[in-house]
Each structure stands twice: as structure tokens, then as C-alpha cells.
Amino acid sequence: MQLTVNGVPIDATGSAPSQTLLRFLRTRAGLPGTKEGCASGDCGACTVLLAGPGEAPRAVNSCITLLGSVAGETVVTVEGLAGSEGPGRHPVQAAMVDCHGSQCGFCTPGFVMSLAGLYAADGRGDDAIREAIAGNLCRCTGYRPILEAGRRMYDYPPAPVVPECGALAAGLNHSGALPAGYHRPRDEAALQRLLREYPKAWLVAGGTDAVLELTQRYAAPDPVLDLSAVAELCTIDDGTDALRLGAAVPYSRLEQLFATLSPPLVAMLERLGSRQIRNRGTLGGNLANGSPIADMPPVLLAWDATVELAGADGGRRSIPVAAFHRGYRDTVLAPGEYVAAVTIPRAALARPHRIFKLSKRFEDDISTVLLAVSMEREGERLGAARVAYGGMAATPLRAAAVEEILTGATLDDATIERACAAATAVFTPIDDVRASAAYRRAMAAALLRRALRELREGVDLDIDAVEALHA
């Protein structure tokens, strides 16, 4: 297993590929600048840059990235950012120092690397800076000088973020053989062959949820089938009648794809996890984990999407997303099956729609309630309406009683209020740490009221309407 760390080609043979990249960097590569704060991808102290062949560097959480999943890729840590030549400080590091952006210092390497990812993309402006560091937590609350560093990092002489740096990991022990039990197939034929050989294998792609089984619950899955490099699962087919999205496509690619197709979806995706999470997390994983508060299923329900399942025997079947969830974290996936793709009809994408998410934190948090509404217009009346919620039941669900009220109706105030009343009555949500059942019911009605009024009045979603006071 080969990878490059700070410009150094590394033979990681002998290192367990199912360990986290963070553990490898700190204990084997002798690079302790990358920190562990949460081991769950929530605080950003572990942020590094990752780049595959021909790819731009992107920020990821090394605490929930498996070592085996970065084989053949380039990793840059805070130690290697400045390179082995020059003044010894990258412009991002220089700006953090000169702007006094570090207090206790524990979170600083993660902030530096998140800003380095933004620097590599030439992202400028306060909104871009806030978005880049939304997944980084400073417990000293020193955000103002960090934001200033993000503004000033372009004032220094330019420098690359993937430098030549050959000495930092020279002491790495290269001895030992690669343990069995980790497989990273490159195509579906190889994946299906491995599934026939290992029918009880643990499947992982981006790992932003699944790897918590290792870091929080200390599971030791064996074998691991890593889907992140399966070519067919990483493909987007932009067809005339439908979009077919491979299950291993990360959210960051969806943001780019839907920039013009669905601004409401992009606005929601910008709040799905953090930039580090969106650079790794996948559409298929969001479905397959079966969570009732996953962000994408309500959207797919509102768009009449279908999910394509494939099996070890090569068989394939397509079902509506509405039929995918059977109960709490229970799906129709049979042993040996995996999510291969999601297909969204073009006609559904063209319908007026709204997507709203409520969560305790504005960014980098799971939903308390998520609403997706899509509808057809037939003159003054509505055609078929789709109203889907997450966080209101054991599974993401369409609100059939609400849809029945809306379909064929005139979207006047009385209709809207009847629909909102039905939304509060049709679900029986639970009380938990995120919200009470009463709050969820009230918000289900409030979000629906807002969505229907916006759709009636033809108001465009103002992505900038929420002032970013969190930063």
C-alpha cells in the first residue's frame, strides 16, 4: 500500500489499512501536528488535505478516514504545508500568526488546513471563508482573528499547498506485510466477486458515519470492502430524461452538479455536515444507513427518485426510494446487496420545489426536522404534490394526507392552513436530545407554511437570507 505524505512516497505495508489516517499520521509517520479532538468528524482538529491523481486538494477529517481508502493518494498535513524550501511558513500559516489567530493552539492545525483547502481553490470573500471553516471548532472562541487570517492569506507571496517536502517522514518504519482483510475494488465486477467470497463483509465508502463504529464503539470489522474507488459507483450520468448518480459520488460533487438545477438543494447541502464531511460523505451512504434524520431521503422522495440495488450475483433491481426504508435503520437491502445508484427524473427536477432544514447548529449538524416539497401547477390549481419529511417518524416519509389536501386545490390561505394542520396530525415524532415531539410537530407546520407561501408567490429562495452570525 503506497501513498504520499507531505511529498514523501510512503510504503505503508505493515500498517493496518482499517485504522484511521489520523492514527497512522501520528503514530507511524511521526507527524503529531494533526490533532484528535472528537474522533467523529465534528471538530476539525484532525483536518488534512487529500488529493487523488489529477485532483485538486480537498480538506478531509483524518479521524474518520480509513488509511486504506487513501492508498495511491497524496496527503498534506500542517507540518508539510510550507514545504522544505522557502521561508518556512505557508501564506495561510503566516496570516494566522500575523493576525493572532491562535490562542490555546489545539485547533489551529485544523483551521490552517481548512483554510489551505480554500487557498488552493482560490476561494475569496467572507462567505467562502466561513463555509471553509464551518467544520472547525475553536473552544477559545477566537473566530474573528481566524476570519481575518482567511482574508489576508492572499496578501503574501503565493505558494503551493502540495509542496515537495522529502525529509519529514524519513524515519518511518517500512517493514512488515499488508494485513489481509481490507479490499478496495476498482470496478463492480471485482466488488461482486469479493461479495461472493465475503458475503458478510463490512461495506464503507466515504465513512463519515460508518467509521464511527470503529472510533466510538471500537468495532473491528473484518473484512472491509471499500467502495470509494469503484468506477461505476463514482459516475454521474447526465441523461436527457433523468440524472443517474452513482452511490459513491460525494456531496461536494452534488453541490457542483445542482448549482443551477436546484439552488434549494445546494443551500441545504451547504449545511449538511461540513466541507470536510461533504468531501467524503456519499449519497449512497446517506441512504444505506437507514437513518430517519438523513438529509437526502426526503429530497429524493419529493423528486420521485428510484434507487438501484445490485447484488453479488450481478443481479440488479430498481425500486422507488419510498419503498427503500422498512423501519428504523432497516432497509430492503438483502444480504450481498449494495446501493449502486440513484436516479432522479428530469421532469421532477423541473417542478417548483423547496427544501428546508432545522437543526440545533446552523452548520455541521444532523437534522431535527427536514422538509422537501415539490409540486406541479395546472393553471390556478395544483397538480400532484409531494411533501416529504425527515425527523418526524422512524423513517423518512411522504405526508400522504397533506398531499391529498394540496393536489387539485387552489393554493389559498385556507388550503395552506388545512395542509399545515394535517402535517401536525399525521406524524407521531419522539422526544429526544434534539427536540421535543411538540416542537417537531410545530416546526413541521411552520416549514410547510413557509414553503407553500413561497411557492404560491413565486419567491426565489434567498440563500443569503440567514445572516451568518454563527461565525
Protein backbone atom coordinates (compact mmCIF):
# COMPACT_ATOMS: atom_id res chain seq x y z
CA MET A 1 0.00 0.00 0.00
CA GLN A 2 1.56 3.23 -1.20
CA LEU A 3 0.67 6.85 -0.51
CA THR A 4 2.45 10.20 -0.45
CA VAL A 5 2.65 12.22 2.75
CA ASN A 6 3.97 15.78 2.50
CA GLY A 7 5.75 14.97 -0.74
CA VAL A 8 7.29 11.73 0.58
CA PRO A 9 6.35 8.44 -1.12
CA ILE A 10 5.44 6.09 1.72
CA ASP A 11 5.24 2.32 1.72
CA ALA A 12 2.60 1.68 4.38
CA THR A 13 2.91 -2.08 4.16
CA GLY A 14 2.57 -3.42 7.66
CA SER A 15 0.14 -0.71 8.76
CA ALA A 16 -3.45 -1.84 9.29
CA PRO A 17 -5.46 -0.32 6.42
CA SER A 18 -8.59 -0.27 8.59
CA GLN A 19 -7.00 2.14 11.07
CA THR A 20 -7.73 5.83 10.68
CA LEU A 21 -5.46 8.05 8.67
CA LEU A 22 -5.06 10.20 11.80
CA ARG A 23 -3.68 7.31 13.81
CA PHE A 24 -1.23 6.45 11.04
CA LEU A 25 -0.01 10.03 10.76
CA ARG A 26 0.53 10.46 14.48
CA THR A 27 1.90 7.05 15.47
CA ARG A 28 3.64 5.72 12.35
CA ALA A 29 4.54 8.78 10.31
CA GLY A 30 5.71 10.79 13.31
CA LEU A 31 3.55 13.78 12.39
CA PRO A 32 1.73 14.82 15.58
CA GLY A 33 0.64 18.25 14.35
CA THR A 34 -2.68 16.79 13.26
CA LYS A 35 -4.84 16.53 16.39
CA GLU A 36 -7.67 14.34 17.61
CA GLY A 37 -10.43 16.30 19.29
CA CYS A 38 -13.58 14.22 18.82
CA ALA A 39 -12.86 11.12 16.70
CA SER A 40 -16.19 11.68 14.97
CA GLY A 41 -15.58 14.36 12.33
CA ASP A 42 -17.23 17.14 14.33
CA CYS A 43 -14.42 19.45 15.49
CA GLY A 44 -11.98 19.68 12.55
CA ALA A 45 -8.78 19.45 14.62
CA CYS A 46 -7.73 16.48 12.50
CA THR A 47 -8.15 18.20 9.12
CA VAL A 48 -5.64 17.35 6.40
CA LEU A 49 -5.62 17.85 2.65
CA LEU A 50 -6.13 14.89 0.33
CA ALA A 51 -5.66 14.72 -3.43
CA GLY A 52 -6.01 11.80 -5.80
CA PRO A 53 -4.10 11.63 -9.09
CA GLY A 54 -5.02 14.69 -11.13
CA GLU A 55 -7.34 16.03 -8.42
CA ALA A 56 -7.32 19.34 -6.59
CA PRO A 57 -6.53 19.05 -2.87
CA ARG A 58 -9.57 18.88 -0.61
CA ALA A 59 -9.97 19.09 3.16
CA VAL A 60 -10.99 15.88 4.97
CA ASN A 61 -11.33 14.68 8.54
CA SER A 62 -8.45 12.26 9.05
CA CYS A 63 -10.05 10.91 12.25
CA ILE A 64 -12.81 9.20 10.22
CA THR A 65 -10.87 8.47 7.03
CA LEU A 66 -9.51 4.94 6.79
CA LEU A 67 -5.88 4.57 5.82
CA GLY A 68 -6.72 2.02 3.14
CA SER A 69 -9.07 4.46 1.43
CA VAL A 70 -6.22 6.89 0.64
CA ALA A 71 -3.89 4.37 -0.97
CA GLY A 72 -2.30 5.93 -4.03
CA GLU A 73 -3.27 9.45 -2.97
CA THR A 74 -1.40 12.47 -1.66
CA VAL A 75 -1.82 13.66 1.94
CA VAL A 76 -0.66 17.05 3.19
CA THR A 77 -0.50 17.79 6.91
CA VAL A 78 0.23 21.01 8.73
CA GLU A 79 3.92 20.01 9.02
CA GLY A 80 4.29 19.76 5.26
CA LEU A 81 2.25 22.73 4.18
CA ALA A 82 5.19 25.15 3.92
CA GLY A 83 7.47 22.64 2.19
CA SER A 84 11.15 22.06 2.83
CA GLU A 85 12.26 25.20 0.98
CA GLY A 86 11.48 28.88 1.38
CA PRO A 87 10.69 30.95 4.48
CA GLY A 88 9.25 28.08 6.48
CA ARG A 89 5.69 29.38 6.62
CA HIS A 90 2.92 28.95 4.09
CA PRO A 91 0.82 32.10 3.47
CA VAL A 92 -2.04 30.56 5.47
CA GLN A 93 0.28 29.91 8.41
CA ALA A 94 1.83 33.36 8.15
CA ALA A 95 -1.59 35.00 8.15
CA MET A 96 -2.68 33.00 11.21
CA VAL A 97 0.44 34.14 13.09
CA ASP A 98 0.29 37.76 12.00
CA CYS A 99 -3.45 38.01 12.75
CA HIS A 100 -3.04 36.33 16.16
CA GLY A 101 -5.41 33.56 15.08
CA SER A 102 -4.15 31.01 17.62
CA GLN A 103 -4.97 31.01 21.31
CA CYS A 104 -4.50 27.64 23.08
CA GLY A 105 -3.36 26.26 19.71
CA PHE A 106 -5.01 22.84 19.77
CA CYS A 107 -7.45 23.63 16.98
CA THR A 108 -5.00 25.73 14.97
CA PRO A 109 -3.60 22.98 12.67
CA GLY A 110 -7.12 22.05 11.58
CA PHE A 111 -8.08 25.65 10.86
CA VAL A 112 -4.87 26.13 8.91
CA MET A 113 -5.55 23.09 6.75
CA SER A 114 -9.18 24.04 6.11
CA LEU A 115 -8.05 27.49 5.02
CA ALA A 116 -5.32 25.87 2.92
CA GLY A 117 -8.03 23.94 1.07
CA LEU A 118 -9.80 27.23 0.40
CA TYR A 119 -6.49 28.82 -0.64
CA ALA A 120 -5.89 26.02 -3.15
CA ALA A 121 -9.30 26.70 -4.70
CA ASP A 122 -8.65 30.47 -4.68
CA GLY A 123 -11.81 30.95 -2.65
CA ARG A 124 -12.25 34.55 -1.50
CA GLY A 125 -14.76 36.55 0.48
CA ASP A 126 -16.22 36.20 3.95
CA ASP A 127 -18.89 33.71 2.91
CA ALA A 128 -16.29 31.40 1.38
CA ILE A 129 -14.08 31.68 4.46
CA ARG A 130 -16.96 30.92 6.84
CA GLU A 131 -18.00 27.95 4.74
CA ALA A 132 -14.45 26.60 4.66
CA ILE A 133 -14.04 26.67 8.45
CA ALA A 134 -17.61 25.75 9.39
CA GLY A 135 -16.39 22.28 10.35
CA ASN A 136 -13.66 23.58 12.66
CA LEU A 137 -14.34 24.29 16.31
CA CYS A 138 -12.37 26.83 18.36
CA ARG A 139 -13.21 26.36 22.02
CA CYS A 140 -11.37 29.59 22.85
CA THR A 141 -13.92 31.37 20.61
CA GLY A 142 -11.20 33.18 18.69
CA TYR A 143 -13.02 33.26 15.37
CA ARG A 144 -12.60 36.92 14.47
CA PRO A 145 -8.79 36.79 14.00
CA ILE A 146 -9.16 33.46 12.18
CA LEU A 147 -11.57 35.08 9.73
CA GLU A 148 -9.12 37.94 9.31
CA ALA A 149 -6.36 35.43 8.55
CA GLY A 150 -8.58 33.96 5.83
CA ARG A 151 -8.91 37.39 4.29
CA ARG A 152 -5.21 38.24 4.48
CA MET A 153 -3.68 34.93 3.38
CA TYR A 154 -3.72 36.10 -0.24
CA ASP A 155 -1.61 39.15 0.62
CA TYR A 156 1.56 37.05 0.93
CA PRO A 157 3.70 35.71 -1.93
CA PRO A 158 1.81 32.77 -3.47
CA ALA A 159 2.77 29.21 -2.57
CA PRO A 160 1.50 25.72 -3.47
CA VAL A 161 -0.41 23.63 -0.95
CA VAL A 162 1.01 20.30 -2.15
CA PRO A 163 4.73 21.00 -1.69
CA GLU A 164 7.85 18.99 -2.25
CA CYS A 165 8.89 18.01 1.25
CA GLY A 166 11.11 14.97 1.47
CA ALA A 167 12.51 14.85 4.99
CA LEU A 168 9.57 14.96 7.37
CA ALA A 169 8.66 11.28 7.34
CA ALA A 170 12.11 9.85 6.69
CA GLY A 171 12.08 7.89 9.95
CA LEU A 172 9.02 5.82 9.06
CA ASN A 173 9.40 2.10 9.58
CA HIS A 174 8.57 0.47 6.24
CA SER A 175 8.86 -3.16 7.37
CA GLY A 176 6.03 -5.69 7.55
CA ALA A 177 3.39 -7.08 5.19
CA LEU A 178 -0.02 -5.63 4.36
CA PRO A 179 -2.59 -7.47 6.50
CA ALA A 180 -5.46 -9.23 4.80
CA GLY A 181 -9.00 -8.09 5.40
CA TYR A 182 -9.19 -4.79 3.50
CA HIS A 183 -10.27 -4.68 -0.13
CA ARG A 184 -10.69 -1.65 -2.39
CA PRO A 185 -12.07 -2.88 -5.72
CA ARG A 186 -11.85 -0.67 -8.79
CA ASP A 187 -14.96 -1.86 -10.64
CA GLU A 188 -18.27 -3.56 -9.93
CA ALA A 189 -17.15 -6.90 -11.29
CA ALA A 190 -14.39 -7.05 -8.68
CA LEU A 191 -16.76 -5.80 -5.97
CA GLN A 192 -19.31 -8.50 -6.74
CA ARG A 193 -16.62 -11.17 -6.80
CA LEU A 194 -15.48 -10.06 -3.34
CA LEU A 195 -19.07 -10.04 -2.07
CA ARG A 196 -19.48 -13.65 -3.19
CA GLU A 197 -16.28 -14.53 -1.34
CA TYR A 198 -17.09 -12.43 1.74
CA PRO A 199 -20.91 -12.22 1.99
CA LYS A 200 -20.74 -10.69 5.49
CA ALA A 201 -18.13 -8.06 4.66
CA TRP A 202 -18.45 -4.54 6.09
CA LEU A 203 -19.17 -2.05 3.31
CA VAL A 204 -17.86 1.50 3.54
CA ALA A 205 -17.48 4.37 1.07
CA GLY A 206 -16.89 7.87 2.47
CA GLY A 207 -17.05 6.53 6.01
CA THR A 208 -18.34 9.75 7.56
CA ASP A 209 -20.94 7.78 9.52
CA ALA A 210 -19.76 4.18 9.29
CA VAL A 211 -16.24 4.76 10.62
CA LEU A 212 -17.71 5.94 13.92
CA GLU A 213 -18.31 2.24 14.58
CA LEU A 214 -14.51 1.99 14.85
CA THR A 215 -13.69 5.25 16.59
CA GLN A 216 -16.61 5.40 19.02
CA ARG A 217 -17.67 1.79 19.52
CA TYR A 218 -14.28 0.16 18.86
CA ALA A 219 -15.63 -2.31 16.32
CA ALA A 220 -13.08 -4.33 14.37
CA PRO A 221 -14.80 -5.27 11.09
CA ASP A 222 -13.13 -7.98 9.03
CA PRO A 223 -13.11 -7.95 6.11
CA VAL A 224 -13.70 -4.38 4.91
CA LEU A 225 -14.94 -3.69 1.38
CA ASP A 226 -14.14 -0.10 0.49
CA LEU A 227 -16.42 1.16 -2.31
CA SER A 228 -14.81 4.56 -2.72
CA ALA A 229 -12.80 3.61 -5.83
CA VAL A 230 -15.43 1.55 -7.69
CA ALA A 231 -15.58 3.41 -11.01
CA GLU A 232 -19.24 2.76 -11.78
CA LEU A 233 -20.32 3.95 -8.33
CA CYS A 234 -18.41 7.23 -8.77
CA THR A 235 -20.05 8.11 -12.09
CA ILE A 236 -22.72 10.74 -12.84
CA ASP A 237 -24.80 10.12 -15.98
CA ASP A 238 -26.43 13.38 -17.06
CA GLY A 239 -29.16 12.00 -19.29
CA THR A 240 -31.90 13.70 -21.23
CA ASP A 241 -34.72 12.20 -19.17
CA ALA A 242 -33.00 11.58 -15.84
CA LEU A 243 -29.92 12.08 -13.71
CA ARG A 244 -28.24 8.86 -12.59
CA LEU A 245 -25.99 9.46 -9.60
CA GLY A 246 -23.52 6.78 -8.58
CA ALA A 247 -23.82 5.79 -4.93
CA ALA A 248 -20.20 6.73 -4.11
CA VAL A 249 -20.49 10.26 -5.52
CA PRO A 250 -19.59 12.65 -2.67
CA TYR A 251 -21.77 15.57 -1.66
CA SER A 252 -19.19 18.10 -2.89
CA ARG A 253 -19.74 16.88 -6.45
CA LEU A 254 -23.51 17.11 -5.95
CA GLU A 255 -23.10 20.75 -4.90
CA GLN A 256 -21.43 21.49 -8.23
CA LEU A 257 -23.94 19.46 -10.24
CA PHE A 258 -27.03 21.06 -8.70
CA ALA A 259 -25.72 24.64 -8.63
CA THR A 260 -28.14 25.58 -11.42
CA LEU A 261 -30.53 22.63 -11.27
CA SER A 262 -31.65 23.19 -7.68
CA PRO A 263 -30.46 26.16 -5.63
CA PRO A 264 -32.68 24.98 -2.72
CA LEU A 265 -30.81 21.66 -2.63
CA VAL A 266 -27.42 23.39 -2.75
CA ALA A 267 -28.48 25.65 0.12
CA MET A 268 -29.33 22.56 2.15
CA LEU A 269 -26.16 20.71 1.15
CA GLU A 270 -24.08 23.62 2.39
CA ARG A 271 -25.46 22.77 5.84
CA LEU A 272 -25.01 19.00 5.51
CA GLY A 273 -22.04 18.30 7.74
CA SER A 274 -19.02 20.46 6.94
CA ARG A 275 -16.78 20.92 3.94
CA GLN A 276 -14.61 18.06 5.23
CA ILE A 277 -17.68 15.81 5.54
CA ARG A 278 -19.04 16.75 2.12
CA ASN A 279 -15.70 15.97 0.51
CA ARG A 280 -16.00 12.36 1.74
CA GLY A 281 -19.64 11.56 2.52
CA THR A 282 -21.69 9.89 -0.22
CA LEU A 283 -25.25 9.82 -1.46
CA GLY A 284 -25.42 6.03 -1.24
CA GLY A 285 -24.20 6.01 2.34
CA ASN A 286 -26.83 8.57 3.33
CA LEU A 287 -29.47 6.15 2.09
CA ALA A 288 -27.97 2.84 3.15
CA ASN A 289 -27.52 3.73 6.82
CA GLY A 290 -31.30 3.92 7.11
CA SER A 291 -31.35 6.93 9.43
CA PRO A 292 -34.69 8.71 9.89
CA ILE A 293 -32.84 12.05 10.03
CA ALA A 294 -30.64 11.59 6.96
CA ASP A 295 -30.82 14.74 4.86
CA MET A 296 -31.14 13.36 1.33
CA PRO A 297 -34.03 10.83 1.55
CA PRO A 298 -36.82 13.44 1.95
CA VAL A 299 -35.48 15.30 -1.09
CA LEU A 300 -35.36 12.10 -3.13
CA LEU A 301 -38.89 11.22 -2.00
CA ALA A 302 -40.16 14.60 -3.19
CA TRP A 303 -38.47 14.05 -6.55
CA ASP A 304 -39.89 10.56 -7.17
CA ALA A 305 -36.37 9.15 -7.25
CA THR A 306 -35.55 5.49 -7.63
CA VAL A 307 -32.69 3.59 -6.04
CA GLU A 308 -30.77 0.93 -7.94
CA LEU A 309 -29.63 -2.05 -5.90
CA ALA A 310 -27.05 -4.57 -7.11
CA GLY A 311 -26.08 -7.94 -5.71
CA ALA A 312 -23.12 -10.26 -5.50
CA ASP A 313 -24.62 -12.43 -8.24
CA GLY A 314 -24.69 -9.49 -10.67
CA GLY A 315 -28.44 -9.06 -10.40
CA ARG A 316 -29.94 -5.58 -10.28
CA ARG A 317 -33.28 -4.13 -9.27
CA SER A 318 -34.69 -0.61 -9.12
CA ILE A 319 -37.26 0.45 -6.54
CA PRO A 320 -38.78 3.80 -5.56
CA VAL A 321 -36.95 5.49 -2.72
CA ALA A 322 -40.34 5.44 -0.99
CA ALA A 323 -40.05 1.64 -0.75
CA PHE A 324 -36.44 1.55 0.43
CA HIS A 325 -36.92 2.08 4.18
CA ARG A 326 -38.86 -0.55 6.12
CA GLY A 327 -38.37 0.75 9.66
CA TYR A 328 -35.91 2.44 11.97
CA ARG A 329 -32.46 1.86 10.41
CA ASP A 330 -33.99 -1.03 8.47
CA THR A 331 -33.93 -1.10 4.67
CA VAL A 332 -34.82 -3.57 1.93
CA LEU A 333 -31.15 -4.30 1.21
CA ALA A 334 -30.74 -8.08 1.10
CA PRO A 335 -27.53 -9.87 2.15
CA GLY A 336 -24.92 -9.29 -0.51
CA GLU A 337 -26.71 -6.24 -1.96
CA TYR A 338 -25.44 -2.68 -2.10
CA VAL A 339 -26.77 0.68 -3.28
CA ALA A 340 -25.42 1.22 -6.80
CA ALA A 341 -27.09 4.44 -7.93
CA VAL A 342 -29.97 6.87 -7.50
CA THR A 343 -31.98 8.12 -10.48
CA ILE A 344 -33.92 11.40 -10.45
CA PRO A 345 -36.36 12.16 -13.30
CA ARG A 346 -35.66 15.41 -15.13
CA ALA A 347 -39.36 16.23 -15.01
CA ALA A 348 -39.29 16.10 -11.21
CA LEU A 349 -36.25 18.39 -11.07
CA ALA A 350 -38.12 20.92 -13.20
CA ARG A 351 -41.04 21.18 -10.77
CA PRO A 352 -41.09 24.13 -8.32
CA HIS A 353 -39.70 22.92 -5.01
CA ARG A 354 -38.46 24.00 -1.61
CA ILE A 355 -36.14 22.28 0.89
CA PHE A 356 -35.80 23.45 4.48
CA LYS A 357 -33.69 22.04 7.30
CA LEU A 358 -33.86 22.76 11.02
CA SER A 359 -31.02 21.74 13.32
CA LYS A 360 -29.61 22.82 16.68
CA ARG A 361 -26.48 24.17 14.97
CA PHE A 362 -26.79 26.00 11.69
CA GLU A 363 -23.95 24.00 10.12
CA ASP A 364 -22.25 20.67 10.73
CA ASP A 365 -25.28 19.14 12.43
CA ILE A 366 -27.88 16.49 11.75
CA SER A 367 -31.46 17.48 11.12
CA THR A 368 -34.10 17.98 13.74
CA VAL A 369 -36.72 18.31 11.00
CA LEU A 370 -36.20 18.40 7.25
CA LEU A 371 -38.93 19.22 4.72
CA ALA A 372 -38.89 18.79 0.95
CA VAL A 373 -41.88 19.99 -1.10
CA SER A 374 -42.32 19.59 -4.84
CA MET A 375 -45.47 20.31 -6.83
CA GLU A 376 -46.93 20.62 -10.29
CA ARG A 377 -49.02 23.60 -11.31
CA GLU A 378 -52.09 23.31 -13.52
CA GLY A 379 -53.21 26.86 -14.07
CA GLU A 380 -54.64 28.25 -10.84
CA ARG A 381 -54.70 24.83 -9.22
CA LEU A 382 -52.04 22.43 -8.07
CA GLY A 383 -51.31 19.20 -9.83
CA ALA A 384 -49.67 16.35 -7.97
CA ALA A 385 -47.91 17.47 -4.78
CA ARG A 386 -45.04 15.76 -2.98
CA VAL A 387 -44.43 16.58 0.69
CA ALA A 388 -41.70 14.61 2.44
CA TYR A 389 -40.25 14.89 5.94
CA GLY A 390 -37.25 13.62 7.83
CA GLY A 391 -37.07 13.53 11.61
CA MET A 392 -40.80 13.06 12.08
CA ALA A 393 -41.03 9.26 12.19
CA ALA A 394 -38.93 6.10 12.30
CA THR A 395 -38.20 6.56 8.59
CA PRO A 396 -38.23 9.45 6.13
CA LEU A 397 -41.83 9.64 4.87
CA ARG A 398 -44.11 11.40 2.45
CA ALA A 399 -47.09 13.03 4.15
CA ALA A 400 -49.90 11.45 2.13
CA ALA A 401 -52.68 13.28 4.00
CA VAL A 402 -51.04 16.63 3.25
CA GLU A 403 -50.53 15.74 -0.39
CA GLU A 404 -54.20 14.77 -0.71
CA ILE A 405 -55.27 18.19 0.57
CA LEU A 406 -52.97 20.02 -1.83
CA THR A 407 -53.50 18.01 -5.02
CA GLY A 408 -56.09 19.70 -7.21
CA ALA A 409 -56.57 22.58 -4.77
CA THR A 410 -56.12 26.30 -5.14
CA LEU A 411 -53.18 27.37 -3.03
CA ASP A 412 -55.02 29.96 -0.94
CA ASP A 413 -54.56 30.67 2.76
CA ALA A 414 -57.31 28.27 3.78
CA THR A 415 -55.73 25.40 1.84
CA ILE A 416 -52.33 26.16 3.32
CA GLU A 417 -53.69 26.12 6.86
CA ARG A 418 -55.56 22.85 6.29
CA ALA A 419 -52.35 21.31 4.95
CA CYS A 420 -50.36 22.57 7.95
CA ALA A 421 -52.95 21.18 10.36
CA ALA A 422 -52.69 17.80 8.64
CA ALA A 423 -48.88 17.92 8.90
CA THR A 424 -49.11 18.25 12.70
CA ALA A 425 -51.64 15.42 12.96
CA VAL A 426 -50.21 12.81 10.61
CA PHE A 427 -46.92 12.18 12.44
CA THR A 428 -46.05 10.92 15.92
CA PRO A 429 -42.45 12.07 16.41
CA ILE A 430 -40.41 11.34 19.52
CA ASP A 431 -38.83 13.45 22.24
CA ASP A 432 -35.04 13.28 22.13
CA VAL A 433 -31.97 15.42 22.78
CA ARG A 434 -32.56 17.47 19.66
CA ALA A 435 -36.20 18.41 20.15
CA SER A 436 -39.48 17.52 21.77
CA ALA A 437 -42.26 15.88 19.80
CA ALA A 438 -44.37 19.02 20.22
CA TYR A 439 -41.61 21.18 18.77
CA ARG A 440 -41.19 18.87 15.80
CA ARG A 441 -44.92 18.97 15.05
CA ALA A 442 -44.97 22.76 15.31
CA MET A 443 -41.96 23.07 13.01
CA ALA A 444 -43.41 20.61 10.50
CA ALA A 445 -46.34 23.01 10.10
CA ALA A 446 -44.22 26.17 10.15
CA LEU A 447 -41.81 24.93 7.48
CA LEU A 448 -44.67 23.72 5.29
CA ARG A 449 -46.43 27.08 5.63
CA ARG A 450 -43.30 28.90 4.54
CA ALA A 451 -42.68 26.54 1.62
CA LEU A 452 -46.24 26.79 0.30
CA ARG A 453 -46.35 30.57 0.59
CA GLU A 454 -43.05 30.91 -1.24
CA LEU A 455 -44.20 28.56 -3.98
CA ARG A 456 -47.54 30.37 -4.31
CA GLU A 457 -45.90 33.76 -4.59
CA GLY A 458 -43.06 32.60 -6.82
CA VAL A 459 -40.45 33.82 -4.37
CA ASP A 460 -36.96 32.60 -5.12
CA LEU A 461 -35.08 31.03 -2.26
CA ASP A 462 -32.72 33.65 -0.85
CA ILE A 463 -29.67 31.59 0.08
CA ASP A 464 -28.13 34.63 1.78
CA ALA A 465 -31.21 35.40 3.89
CA VAL A 466 -29.80 33.84 7.04
CA GLU A 467 -27.11 36.10 8.44
CA ALA A 468 -24.01 34.10 9.35
CA LEU A 469 -23.87 35.18 12.98
CA HIS A 470 -22.50 31.78 14.00
CA ALA A 471 -19.04 32.87 12.88
